[in-house]
């Protein structure tokens, strides 16, 4: 039976690689002006680099509440 990649490189190394990939992806998205999905007060929203917040489901802006 073949080992998984995590078994081959170790859990610690896999976690480091995942953390770096996520950090790089967030930085690239922010550099391009793309929003990140975050949960605020139980509601999923898009938070833009300029601070603007828009609910993902299309409701009124969180800032307007």
Protein backbone atom coordinates (compact mmCIF):
# COMPACT_ATOMS: atom_id res chain seq x y z
CA UNK A 1 0.00 0.00 0.00
CA UNK A 2 1.34 3.44 -0.93
CA UNK A 3 1.86 6.09 1.69
CA UNK A 4 -0.05 9.36 1.49
CA UNK A 5 1.91 12.53 0.86
CA UNK A 6 1.40 13.52 4.50
CA UNK A 7 2.83 10.18 5.63
CA UNK A 8 5.78 10.65 3.29
CA UNK A 9 6.72 14.19 4.33
CA UNK A 10 5.34 14.23 7.88
CA UNK A 11 2.42 16.07 9.44
CA UNK A 12 4.53 19.02 10.63
CA UNK A 13 5.99 19.68 7.17
CA UNK A 14 2.56 19.29 5.53
CA UNK A 15 1.07 21.81 7.97
CA UNK A 16 3.88 24.28 7.19
CA UNK A 17 3.29 23.92 3.45
CA UNK A 18 -0.47 24.40 3.86
CA UNK A 19 0.02 27.48 6.04
CA UNK A 20 2.39 29.04 3.48
CA UNK A 21 0.04 28.28 0.58
CA UNK A 22 -2.92 29.87 2.38
CA UNK A 23 -0.88 32.93 3.40
CA UNK A 24 0.36 33.37 -0.18
CA UNK A 25 -3.16 33.00 -1.61
CA UNK A 26 -4.58 35.60 0.80
CA UNK A 27 -1.77 38.04 -0.02
CA UNK A 28 -2.31 37.58 -3.76
CA UNK A 29 -6.09 38.05 -3.44
CA UNK A 30 -5.58 41.23 -1.40
CA UNK A 31 -3.03 42.56 -3.90
CA UNK A 32 -5.60 42.06 -6.66
CA UNK A 33 -8.29 43.82 -4.61
CA UNK A 34 -10.35 40.67 -4.18
CA UNK A 35 -12.48 40.17 -1.06
CA UNK A 36 -12.02 37.48 1.55
CA UNK A 37 -14.92 35.49 2.95
CA UNK A 38 -15.27 35.93 6.71
CA UNK A 39 -17.99 35.27 9.25
CA UNK A 40 -19.11 38.31 11.28
CA UNK A 41 -21.83 37.94 13.91
CA UNK A 42 -22.83 34.60 12.37
CA UNK A 43 -23.20 36.03 8.84
CA UNK A 44 -20.84 35.18 5.97
CA UNK A 45 -19.64 38.34 4.27
CA UNK A 46 -17.11 39.52 1.70
CA UNK A 47 -14.54 41.84 3.29
CA UNK A 48 -12.66 43.96 0.76
CA UNK A 49 -9.15 45.36 1.26
CA UNK A 50 -10.64 48.90 1.46
CA UNK A 51 -12.69 47.82 4.51
CA UNK A 52 -16.02 47.54 2.70
CA UNK A 53 -18.18 44.62 3.85
CA UNK A 54 -20.96 42.99 1.82
CA UNK A 55 -23.07 40.01 2.88
CA UNK A 56 -22.56 37.06 0.56
CA UNK A 57 -26.28 36.33 0.33
CA UNK A 58 -27.00 39.80 -1.11
CA UNK A 59 -28.60 41.37 1.98
CA UNK A 60 -27.93 44.99 2.92
CA UNK A 61 -24.35 45.83 3.72
CA UNK A 62 -23.19 44.95 7.23
CA UNK A 63 -22.05 48.56 7.58
CA UNK A 64 -25.63 49.73 6.86
CA UNK A 65 -27.13 47.77 9.77
